[in-house]
Structure formats: C-alpha cells, structure tokens
Amino acid sequence: MAAASVEERVSELAERVAAELGLELVHAEVHGTGRNTTVRVFIDKPNGVTHEDCSALSNHLGTILDVEDFIHSAYTLEVSSPGLERGLYKRADYERFAGHLAKLKARQPINGQRNFRGRIVGVENDEVIFDDKTNGRVSVPVEQIAKANLEIDIEAEFRRAAEREQQEAGGTTTE
C-alpha cells in the first residue's frame, strides 16, 4: 500500500473510532519508514481531551490497525490533544477558528509573501481571509496552505483568567 493510501486509511479508521468515542479527529499522519514508522493521531473535544480519551482511542485504534495489518512494519502509535497551538488542516478548521490568532505558510508566495501571522477573518469560497500583521488583509487559497497553526492570544487568556477569578470571588459567600 502506498504511503499516501496508508495515511488515508489510518485517517478513515481514526475518524470512525474517534466518532464512536465522542471525540473529534483533528488530524492523523504517518511518518518514517521501517522500524522508525510513527502513526500520530490528534484528537479533541469541547472541554479538552483527557489522558483517558487518548488511551481509549489508542487501544481501540491500535487493535483495528493490528487486525487489518496494512502497515507492513513495526510502528509507534501516538495519540494526543492538538495542543494550544493546534494545527489547522481543513476548510472547516478556518471557519471554526475565525477571529483567532494564527500563523500560516503558503506553498507559493502571495504578493511576494509566504509566511503570514495575524488573525483569521473567515473563509470565502475556498480562500482563507487573513488579517496579516505586516501587510493587512490577504486571501489565501486553502489548497495553497502548506502549514497553519493557531497562536495563543496571551491578552485574551489573561482576560479570561481575570473573569474566572471575578466569578469565583463573586460566587463565594462568608457567613
């Protein structure tokens, strides 16, 4: 089985198992060859994934991969959350995270620029509308994005933390 089709099959199986467990498959990838093959699966859910979520998906998916036996070498299966600076892989990711800070790299230069850092505005047709900190608004075709990740918005995180502290302080009473 060709490397691309192995990755596609892993993605299909991981998607199915994730859905059965009430999880979202963010991305699946296969790297390396022979003994150095690694299957990485990134999962998420609304309030974040737990170690138990990762373990459950790993056990279920690992069993299916062993039974189907289409990866013709030893491999390491890694299952984790996408992290705070989660990767963006699909058009739906850009729609979901409109308004968030991100960085992206285009396959080909757009107006002489390949690397962008700023805020995702949204998606129109098959183009991500991006407010780049350097050159302003730019449209990047989804198929031209080589890599994209969310960036932590430190100011927003501090605001949320302050709001939580206020809610907790306001929610406690002394008698």
N, C-alpha and C. Protein backbone atom coordinates (compact mmCIF):
# COMPACT_ATOMS: atom_id res chain seq x y z
N MET A 1 0.85 -1.18 0.00
CA MET A 1 0.00 0.00 0.00
C MET A 1 0.89 1.23 0.00
N ALA A 2 0.62 2.18 -0.88
CA ALA A 2 1.42 3.41 -0.97
C ALA A 2 1.28 4.23 0.30
N ALA A 3 2.32 5.03 0.60
CA ALA A 3 2.35 5.82 1.84
C ALA A 3 1.12 6.71 1.98
N ALA A 4 0.70 7.37 0.90
CA ALA A 4 -0.47 8.25 0.95
C ALA A 4 -1.73 7.46 1.28
N SER A 5 -1.87 6.27 0.68
CA SER A 5 -3.07 5.49 0.95
C SER A 5 -3.04 4.90 2.36
N VAL A 6 -1.85 4.61 2.91
CA VAL A 6 -1.75 4.16 4.30
C VAL A 6 -2.24 5.28 5.22
N GLU A 7 -1.78 6.50 4.97
CA GLU A 7 -2.20 7.63 5.79
C GLU A 7 -3.71 7.87 5.66
N GLU A 8 -4.24 7.74 4.45
CA GLU A 8 -5.68 7.91 4.24
C GLU A 8 -6.46 6.85 5.01
N ARG A 9 -6.00 5.61 4.97
CA ARG A 9 -6.70 4.52 5.67
C ARG A 9 -6.62 4.74 7.19
N VAL A 10 -5.46 5.14 7.69
CA VAL A 10 -5.33 5.44 9.12
C VAL A 10 -6.30 6.55 9.49
N SER A 11 -6.39 7.60 8.67
CA SER A 11 -7.31 8.71 8.94
C SER A 11 -8.76 8.25 8.98
N GLU A 12 -9.14 7.40 8.03
CA GLU A 12 -10.51 6.88 7.98
C GLU A 12 -10.84 6.10 9.25
N LEU A 13 -9.92 5.22 9.65
CA LEU A 13 -10.16 4.40 10.85
C LEU A 13 -10.17 5.27 12.10
N ALA A 14 -9.23 6.20 12.20
CA ALA A 14 -9.16 7.08 13.37
C ALA A 14 -10.41 7.95 13.46
N GLU A 15 -10.92 8.40 12.34
CA GLU A 15 -12.15 9.20 12.30
C GLU A 15 -13.32 8.39 12.85
N ARG A 16 -13.42 7.16 12.41
CA ARG A 16 -14.52 6.29 12.85
C ARG A 16 -14.43 6.01 14.36
N VAL A 17 -13.24 5.65 14.83
CA VAL A 17 -13.07 5.34 16.26
C VAL A 17 -13.32 6.59 17.11
N ALA A 18 -12.79 7.74 16.66
CA ALA A 18 -12.99 8.99 17.41
C ALA A 18 -14.48 9.29 17.52
N ALA A 19 -15.21 9.16 16.43
CA ALA A 19 -16.65 9.43 16.45
C ALA A 19 -17.37 8.49 17.42
N GLU A 20 -16.98 7.21 17.43
CA GLU A 20 -17.59 6.24 18.34
C GLU A 20 -17.36 6.63 19.80
N LEU A 21 -16.23 7.29 20.08
CA LEU A 21 -15.88 7.67 21.44
C LEU A 21 -16.31 9.10 21.79
N GLY A 22 -17.01 9.75 20.85
CA GLY A 22 -17.47 11.12 21.10
C GLY A 22 -16.36 12.15 21.01
N LEU A 23 -15.35 11.86 20.20
CA LEU A 23 -14.20 12.74 20.04
C LEU A 23 -14.14 13.26 18.61
N GLU A 24 -13.39 14.33 18.43
CA GLU A 24 -13.15 14.89 17.10
C GLU A 24 -11.75 14.49 16.65
N LEU A 25 -11.63 13.93 15.46
CA LEU A 25 -10.32 13.68 14.88
C LEU A 25 -9.84 15.00 14.29
N VAL A 26 -8.75 15.53 14.82
CA VAL A 26 -8.19 16.77 14.31
C VAL A 26 -7.31 16.45 13.10
N HIS A 27 -6.47 15.43 13.25
CA HIS A 27 -5.52 15.10 12.18
C HIS A 27 -4.88 13.75 12.47
N ALA A 28 -4.55 13.03 11.44
CA ALA A 28 -3.77 11.79 11.56
C ALA A 28 -2.68 11.82 10.51
N GLU A 29 -1.50 11.32 10.88
CA GLU A 29 -0.38 11.33 9.95
C GLU A 29 0.51 10.13 10.20
N VAL A 30 1.22 9.72 9.16
CA VAL A 30 2.16 8.61 9.26
C VAL A 30 3.51 9.13 8.79
N HIS A 31 4.52 8.96 9.64
CA HIS A 31 5.87 9.43 9.33
C HIS A 31 6.87 8.30 9.41
N GLY A 32 7.91 8.38 8.60
CA GLY A 32 9.01 7.43 8.68
C GLY A 32 8.74 6.16 7.90
N THR A 33 9.75 5.29 7.93
CA THR A 33 9.65 4.00 7.25
C THR A 33 10.28 2.93 8.13
N GLY A 34 9.92 1.69 7.85
CA GLY A 34 10.50 0.57 8.59
C GLY A 34 10.26 0.70 10.08
N ARG A 35 11.30 0.42 10.86
CA ARG A 35 11.19 0.46 12.32
C ARG A 35 10.95 1.86 12.86
N ASN A 36 11.19 2.87 12.06
CA ASN A 36 11.03 4.25 12.50
C ASN A 36 9.67 4.84 12.14
N THR A 37 8.70 4.00 11.81
CA THR A 37 7.37 4.48 11.44
C THR A 37 6.60 4.92 12.69
N THR A 38 6.02 6.12 12.60
CA THR A 38 5.20 6.65 13.68
C THR A 38 3.85 7.05 13.12
N VAL A 39 2.80 6.58 13.77
CA VAL A 39 1.43 6.97 13.44
C VAL A 39 1.00 7.95 14.53
N ARG A 40 0.73 9.21 14.13
CA ARG A 40 0.31 10.23 15.09
C ARG A 40 -1.15 10.59 14.84
N VAL A 41 -1.91 10.61 15.93
CA VAL A 41 -3.33 10.94 15.86
C VAL A 41 -3.59 12.04 16.88
N PHE A 42 -4.21 13.13 16.41
CA PHE A 42 -4.55 14.25 17.28
C PHE A 42 -6.07 14.31 17.41
N ILE A 43 -6.55 14.33 18.66
CA ILE A 43 -7.99 14.34 18.92
C ILE A 43 -8.35 15.52 19.81
N ASP A 44 -9.64 15.87 19.81
CA ASP A 44 -10.10 16.96 20.64
C ASP A 44 -11.56 16.72 21.00
N LYS A 45 -12.04 17.49 21.96
CA LYS A 45 -13.46 17.55 22.31
C LYS A 45 -13.68 18.90 22.97
N PRO A 46 -14.92 19.35 23.09
CA PRO A 46 -15.19 20.72 23.54
C PRO A 46 -14.45 21.19 24.79
N ASN A 47 -14.36 20.39 25.82
CA ASN A 47 -13.67 20.83 27.03
C ASN A 47 -12.26 20.27 27.15
N GLY A 48 -11.69 19.85 26.02
CA GLY A 48 -10.35 19.30 26.02
C GLY A 48 -10.35 17.80 26.26
N VAL A 49 -9.31 17.14 25.77
CA VAL A 49 -9.22 15.69 25.93
C VAL A 49 -8.46 15.34 27.21
N THR A 50 -8.77 14.18 27.72
CA THR A 50 -8.11 13.68 28.91
C THR A 50 -7.16 12.56 28.52
N HIS A 51 -6.35 12.16 29.49
CA HIS A 51 -5.47 11.02 29.27
C HIS A 51 -6.31 9.77 28.95
N GLU A 52 -7.45 9.65 29.61
CA GLU A 52 -8.34 8.50 29.38
C GLU A 52 -8.86 8.50 27.94
N ASP A 53 -9.18 9.68 27.39
CA ASP A 53 -9.63 9.76 26.00
C ASP A 53 -8.55 9.26 25.05
N CYS A 54 -7.32 9.72 25.29
CA CYS A 54 -6.20 9.31 24.44
C CYS A 54 -5.96 7.81 24.55
N SER A 55 -6.02 7.30 25.76
CA SER A 55 -5.81 5.87 25.99
C SER A 55 -6.89 5.03 25.31
N ALA A 56 -8.15 5.45 25.45
CA ALA A 56 -9.25 4.71 24.83
C ALA A 56 -9.11 4.66 23.32
N LEU A 57 -8.80 5.80 22.71
CA LEU A 57 -8.66 5.83 21.26
C LEU A 57 -7.45 4.99 20.84
N SER A 58 -6.36 5.09 21.58
CA SER A 58 -5.16 4.32 21.27
C SER A 58 -5.44 2.82 21.32
N ASN A 59 -6.13 2.38 22.36
CA ASN A 59 -6.45 0.95 22.48
C ASN A 59 -7.35 0.46 21.36
N HIS A 60 -8.42 1.20 21.08
CA HIS A 60 -9.35 0.79 20.02
C HIS A 60 -8.69 0.83 18.65
N LEU A 61 -8.05 1.96 18.33
CA LEU A 61 -7.42 2.10 17.02
C LEU A 61 -6.27 1.11 16.86
N GLY A 62 -5.46 0.94 17.89
CA GLY A 62 -4.34 0.00 17.83
C GLY A 62 -4.80 -1.41 17.52
N THR A 63 -5.91 -1.83 18.13
CA THR A 63 -6.45 -3.16 17.87
C THR A 63 -6.87 -3.29 16.41
N ILE A 64 -7.56 -2.29 15.90
CA ILE A 64 -8.02 -2.33 14.50
C ILE A 64 -6.82 -2.34 13.55
N LEU A 65 -5.82 -1.50 13.82
CA LEU A 65 -4.63 -1.47 12.96
C LEU A 65 -3.92 -2.82 12.97
N ASP A 66 -3.85 -3.45 14.14
CA ASP A 66 -3.20 -4.77 14.23
C ASP A 66 -3.98 -5.82 13.45
N VAL A 67 -5.31 -5.79 13.53
CA VAL A 67 -6.14 -6.77 12.84
C VAL A 67 -6.07 -6.55 11.33
N GLU A 68 -6.18 -5.30 10.89
CA GLU A 68 -6.18 -5.02 9.45
C GLU A 68 -4.79 -5.18 8.84
N ASP A 69 -3.75 -4.94 9.63
CA ASP A 69 -2.36 -5.21 9.25
C ASP A 69 -1.94 -4.66 7.88
N PHE A 70 -2.30 -3.41 7.59
CA PHE A 70 -1.90 -2.80 6.32
C PHE A 70 -0.65 -1.93 6.44
N ILE A 71 -0.15 -1.73 7.67
CA ILE A 71 1.13 -1.05 7.86
C ILE A 71 2.16 -2.17 7.97
N HIS A 72 2.98 -2.31 6.96
CA HIS A 72 3.83 -3.50 6.82
C HIS A 72 5.16 -3.39 7.53
N SER A 73 5.16 -2.77 8.70
CA SER A 73 6.36 -2.71 9.53
C SER A 73 5.92 -2.40 10.95
N ALA A 74 6.86 -2.52 11.87
CA ALA A 74 6.55 -2.11 13.24
C ALA A 74 6.32 -0.61 13.23
N TYR A 75 5.48 -0.13 14.12
CA TYR A 75 5.21 1.30 14.19
C TYR A 75 4.91 1.69 15.62
N THR A 76 5.03 2.97 15.88
CA THR A 76 4.65 3.53 17.18
C THR A 76 3.38 4.33 16.98
N LEU A 77 2.37 4.08 17.80
CA LEU A 77 1.11 4.82 17.73
C LEU A 77 1.12 5.87 18.84
N GLU A 78 0.99 7.13 18.45
CA GLU A 78 0.93 8.23 19.40
C GLU A 78 -0.42 8.91 19.27
N VAL A 79 -1.13 9.08 20.40
CA VAL A 79 -2.42 9.76 20.41
C VAL A 79 -2.33 10.90 21.41
N SER A 80 -2.68 12.12 20.98
CA SER A 80 -2.61 13.26 21.89
C SER A 80 -3.62 14.33 21.51
N SER A 81 -3.70 15.35 22.35
CA SER A 81 -4.51 16.52 22.03
C SER A 81 -3.72 17.33 21.01
N PRO A 82 -4.39 18.25 20.32
CA PRO A 82 -3.69 19.07 19.33
C PRO A 82 -2.85 20.16 19.98
N GLY A 83 -3.03 20.39 21.28
CA GLY A 83 -2.26 21.43 21.97
C GLY A 83 -2.88 22.80 21.79
N LEU A 84 -2.32 23.76 22.51
CA LEU A 84 -2.84 25.13 22.46
C LEU A 84 -2.65 25.76 21.09
N GLU A 85 -1.56 25.44 20.44
CA GLU A 85 -1.30 26.00 19.11
C GLU A 85 -1.63 24.93 18.07
N ARG A 86 -2.88 24.49 18.12
CA ARG A 86 -3.36 23.39 17.30
C ARG A 86 -3.17 23.67 15.81
N GLY A 87 -2.88 22.62 15.08
CA GLY A 87 -2.76 22.73 13.63
C GLY A 87 -4.12 22.91 12.99
N LEU A 88 -4.14 23.59 11.86
CA LEU A 88 -5.35 23.80 11.07
C LEU A 88 -5.15 23.06 9.76
N TYR A 89 -6.06 22.14 9.44
CA TYR A 89 -5.86 21.25 8.31
C TYR A 89 -6.95 21.33 7.25
N LYS A 90 -8.17 21.67 7.67
CA LYS A 90 -9.31 21.62 6.76
C LYS A 90 -9.99 22.98 6.69
N ARG A 91 -10.74 23.16 5.64
CA ARG A 91 -11.52 24.40 5.49
C ARG A 91 -12.37 24.66 6.73
N ALA A 92 -12.98 23.61 7.27
CA ALA A 92 -13.83 23.75 8.45
C ALA A 92 -13.04 24.29 9.65
N ASP A 93 -11.75 23.97 9.73
CA ASP A 93 -10.92 24.49 10.83
C ASP A 93 -10.84 26.01 10.76
N TYR A 94 -10.68 26.55 9.56
CA TYR A 94 -10.57 28.01 9.40
C TYR A 94 -11.89 28.69 9.69
N GLU A 95 -13.00 28.03 9.33
CA GLU A 95 -14.32 28.58 9.64
C GLU A 95 -14.54 28.58 11.15
N ARG A 96 -14.21 27.46 11.79
CA ARG A 96 -14.42 27.31 13.23
C ARG A 96 -13.60 28.31 14.04
N PHE A 97 -12.37 28.58 13.59
CA PHE A 97 -11.48 29.44 14.37
C PHE A 97 -11.37 30.86 13.81
N ALA A 98 -12.39 31.28 13.04
CA ALA A 98 -12.43 32.68 12.59
C ALA A 98 -12.40 33.57 13.82
N GLY A 99 -11.59 34.63 13.74
CA GLY A 99 -11.44 35.55 14.86
C GLY A 99 -10.24 35.23 15.74
N HIS A 100 -9.64 34.05 15.55
CA HIS A 100 -8.49 33.65 16.36
C HIS A 100 -7.18 34.04 15.68
N LEU A 101 -6.16 34.21 16.52
CA LEU A 101 -4.81 34.47 16.01
C LEU A 101 -4.24 33.18 15.42
N ALA A 102 -3.47 33.32 14.36
CA ALA A 102 -2.88 32.15 13.71
C ALA A 102 -1.64 32.57 12.93
N LYS A 103 -0.88 31.57 12.55
CA LYS A 103 0.21 31.79 11.61
C LYS A 103 0.06 30.73 10.53
N LEU A 104 0.37 31.11 9.31
CA LEU A 104 0.29 30.15 8.23
C LEU A 104 1.39 30.38 7.22
N LYS A 105 1.69 29.30 6.52
CA LYS A 105 2.73 29.33 5.49
C LYS A 105 2.10 28.86 4.18
N ALA A 106 2.24 29.67 3.14
CA ALA A 106 1.68 29.34 1.83
C ALA A 106 2.70 28.53 1.03
N ARG A 107 2.19 27.67 0.17
CA ARG A 107 3.08 26.87 -0.69
C ARG A 107 3.81 27.77 -1.70
N GLN A 108 3.10 28.76 -2.20
CA GLN A 108 3.65 29.70 -3.16
C GLN A 108 3.47 31.11 -2.62
N PRO A 109 4.38 32.03 -2.95
CA PRO A 109 4.22 33.41 -2.46
C PRO A 109 2.91 34.04 -2.94
N ILE A 110 2.31 34.82 -2.06
CA ILE A 110 1.12 35.60 -2.37
C ILE A 110 1.52 37.05 -2.14
N ASN A 111 1.50 37.82 -3.21
CA ASN A 111 2.01 39.21 -3.16
C ASN A 111 3.43 39.24 -2.58
N GLY A 112 4.25 38.27 -3.00
CA GLY A 112 5.65 38.23 -2.57
C GLY A 112 5.87 37.71 -1.16
N GLN A 113 4.85 37.17 -0.52
CA GLN A 113 4.96 36.74 0.88
C GLN A 113 4.46 35.30 1.03
N ARG A 114 5.18 34.48 1.80
CA ARG A 114 4.75 33.10 2.06
C ARG A 114 4.34 32.87 3.50
N ASN A 115 4.90 33.62 4.42
CA ASN A 115 4.61 33.45 5.85
C ASN A 115 3.71 34.58 6.34
N PHE A 116 2.64 34.20 7.02
CA PHE A 116 1.67 35.18 7.49
C PHE A 116 1.42 34.95 8.98
N ARG A 117 1.23 36.03 9.69
CA ARG A 117 0.92 35.96 11.13
C ARG A 117 -0.13 37.04 11.40
N GLY A 118 -1.24 36.64 12.00
CA GLY A 118 -2.30 37.60 12.28
C GLY A 118 -3.56 36.91 12.75
N ARG A 119 -4.70 37.33 12.23
CA ARG A 119 -6.00 36.83 12.68
C ARG A 119 -6.79 36.28 11.49
N ILE A 120 -7.41 35.12 11.71
CA ILE A 120 -8.27 34.54 10.69
C ILE A 120 -9.58 35.34 10.68
N VAL A 121 -9.93 35.88 9.52
CA VAL A 121 -11.17 36.64 9.40
C VAL A 121 -12.32 35.68 9.10
N GLY A 122 -12.09 34.74 8.18
CA GLY A 122 -13.12 33.79 7.80
C GLY A 122 -12.73 33.08 6.52
N VAL A 123 -13.72 32.45 5.89
CA VAL A 123 -13.48 31.72 4.65
C VAL A 123 -14.52 32.17 3.64
N GLU A 124 -14.07 32.52 2.45
CA GLU A 124 -14.97 32.86 1.34
C GLU A 124 -14.58 31.98 0.17
N ASN A 125 -15.57 31.28 -0.37
CA ASN A 125 -15.34 30.27 -1.40
C ASN A 125 -14.31 29.30 -0.84
N ASP A 126 -13.19 29.12 -1.46
CA ASP A 126 -12.15 28.22 -0.94
C ASP A 126 -10.91 29.01 -0.57
N GLU A 127 -11.10 30.23 -0.08
CA GLU A 127 -9.97 31.06 0.33
C GLU A 127 -10.13 31.50 1.78
N VAL A 128 -9.03 31.41 2.51
CA VAL A 128 -9.00 31.88 3.89
C VAL A 128 -8.70 33.37 3.85
N ILE A 129 -9.56 34.16 4.46
CA ILE A 129 -9.34 35.60 4.56
C ILE A 129 -8.58 35.82 5.86
N PHE A 130 -7.44 36.47 5.74
CA PHE A 130 -6.50 36.57 6.85
C PHE A 130 -6.06 38.01 7.03
N ASP A 131 -6.09 38.51 8.25
CA ASP A 131 -5.59 39.85 8.57
C ASP A 131 -4.15 39.71 9.02
N ASP A 132 -3.22 39.89 8.09
CA ASP A 132 -1.79 39.73 8.38
C ASP A 132 -1.27 40.98 9.09
N LYS A 133 -0.47 40.78 10.14
CA LYS A 133 0.07 41.90 10.91
C LYS A 133 0.98 42.80 10.08
N THR A 134 1.61 42.25 9.06
CA THR A 134 2.56 43.01 8.25
C THR A 134 1.90 43.71 7.07
N ASN A 135 1.10 42.98 6.30
CA ASN A 135 0.58 43.52 5.05
C ASN A 135 -0.93 43.64 4.96
N GLY A 136 -1.62 43.50 6.08
CA GLY A 136 -3.08 43.67 6.06
C GLY A 136 -3.82 42.46 5.54
N ARG A 137 -5.00 42.70 5.00
CA ARG A 137 -5.89 41.62 4.58
C ARG A 137 -5.37 40.92 3.33
N VAL A 138 -5.38 39.59 3.39
CA VAL A 138 -4.92 38.78 2.27
C VAL A 138 -5.83 37.56 2.16
N SER A 139 -6.03 37.09 0.93
CA SER A 139 -6.80 35.87 0.69
C SER A 139 -5.84 34.77 0.27
N VAL A 140 -5.91 33.65 1.00
CA VAL A 140 -5.01 32.53 0.73
C VAL A 140 -5.86 31.31 0.38
N PRO A 141 -5.73 30.78 -0.84
CA PRO A 141 -6.49 29.58 -1.19
C PRO A 141 -6.15 28.43 -0.23
N VAL A 142 -7.18 27.72 0.25
CA VAL A 142 -6.96 26.64 1.21
C VAL A 142 -5.94 25.64 0.70
N GLU A 143 -6.02 25.29 -0.60
CA GLU A 143 -5.09 24.28 -1.13
C GLU A 143 -3.65 24.81 -1.22
N GLN A 144 -3.46 26.11 -1.08
CA GLN A 144 -2.11 26.69 -1.11
C GLN A 144 -1.49 26.80 0.28
N ILE A 145 -2.20 26.39 1.32
CA ILE A 145 -1.66 26.48 2.67
C ILE A 145 -0.85 25.22 2.96
N ALA A 146 0.46 25.42 3.17
CA ALA A 146 1.35 24.31 3.47
C ALA A 146 1.26 23.92 4.94
N LYS A 147 1.12 24.91 5.81
CA LYS A 147 1.05 24.65 7.25
C LYS A 147 0.37 25.83 7.92
N ALA A 148 -0.45 25.54 8.93
CA ALA A 148 -1.11 26.61 9.69
C ALA A 148 -1.35 26.14 11.12
N ASN A 149 -1.21 27.07 12.04
CA ASN A 149 -1.42 26.79 13.46
C ASN A 149 -2.08 27.98 14.12
N LEU A 150 -2.90 27.69 15.14
CA LEU A 150 -3.40 28.76 15.99
C LEU A 150 -2.23 29.30 16.80
N GLU A 151 -2.34 30.53 17.23
CA GLU A 151 -1.36 31.10 18.14
C GLU A 151 -2.09 31.47 19.42
N ILE A 152 -1.40 31.37 20.52
CA ILE A 152 -2.00 31.73 21.80
C ILE A 152 -2.18 33.25 21.84
N ASP A 153 -3.39 33.67 22.19
CA ASP A 153 -3.68 35.09 22.37
C ASP A 153 -3.52 35.37 23.86
N ILE A 154 -2.32 35.78 24.25
CA ILE A 154 -2.00 35.97 25.66
C ILE A 154 -2.94 36.98 26.32
N GLU A 155 -3.23 38.07 25.65
CA GLU A 155 -4.12 39.08 26.23
C GLU A 155 -5.50 38.50 26.51
N ALA A 156 -6.02 37.73 25.57
CA ALA A 156 -7.34 37.11 25.76
C ALA A 156 -7.29 36.09 26.90
N GLU A 157 -6.20 35.35 27.02
CA GLU A 157 -6.06 34.37 28.10
C GLU A 157 -6.04 35.07 29.45
N PHE A 158 -5.32 36.19 29.55
CA PHE A 158 -5.30 36.96 30.80
C PHE A 158 -6.69 37.49 31.14
N ARG A 159 -7.43 37.98 30.13
CA ARG A 159 -8.79 38.47 30.36
C ARG A 159 -9.69 37.35 30.88
N ARG A 160 -9.61 36.17 30.24
CA ARG A 160 -10.43 35.04 30.68
C ARG A 160 -10.08 34.62 32.11
N ALA A 161 -8.79 34.61 32.44
CA ALA A 161 -8.37 34.25 33.79
C ALA A 161 -8.91 35.25 34.80
N ALA A 162 -8.85 36.54 34.47
CA ALA A 162 -9.37 37.58 35.37
C ALA A 162 -10.87 37.43 35.55
N GLU A 163 -11.59 37.12 34.46
CA GLU A 163 -13.04 36.92 34.54
C GLU A 163 -13.38 35.72 35.42
N ARG A 164 -12.60 34.63 35.29
CA ARG A 164 -12.84 33.45 36.13
C ARG A 164 -12.61 33.79 37.60
N GLU A 165 -11.55 34.54 37.86
CA GLU A 165 -11.26 34.94 39.25
C GLU A 165 -12.39 35.78 39.82
N GLN A 166 -12.92 36.71 39.00
CA GLN A 166 -14.02 37.55 39.46
C GLN A 166 -15.27 36.71 39.74
N GLN A 167 -15.55 35.77 38.85
CA GLN A 167 -16.72 34.90 39.05
C GLN A 167 -16.57 34.07 40.31
N GLU A 168 -15.38 33.51 40.51
CA GLU A 168 -15.14 32.71 41.71
C GLU A 168 -15.23 33.56 42.97
N ALA A 169 -14.69 34.75 42.94
CA ALA A 169 -14.75 35.64 44.11
C ALA A 169 -16.17 36.08 44.39
N GLY A 170 -16.94 36.35 43.34
CA GLY A 170 -18.33 36.77 43.48
C GLY A 170 -19.23 35.62 43.87
N GLY A 171 -18.83 34.39 43.58
CA GLY A 171 -19.65 33.23 43.86
C GLY A 171 -19.50 32.70 45.26
N THR A 172 -18.50 33.18 46.00
CA THR A 172 -18.32 32.68 47.36
C THR A 172 -18.92 33.66 48.34
N THR A 173 -19.50 33.12 49.37
CA THR A 173 -20.08 33.96 50.42
C THR A 173 -19.52 33.54 51.77
N THR A 174 -19.42 34.47 52.66
CA THR A 174 -18.98 34.15 54.01
C THR A 174 -20.12 34.38 54.97
N GLU A 175 -20.23 33.54 55.96
CA GLU A 175 -21.33 33.67 56.92
C GLU A 175 -20.79 33.98 58.29
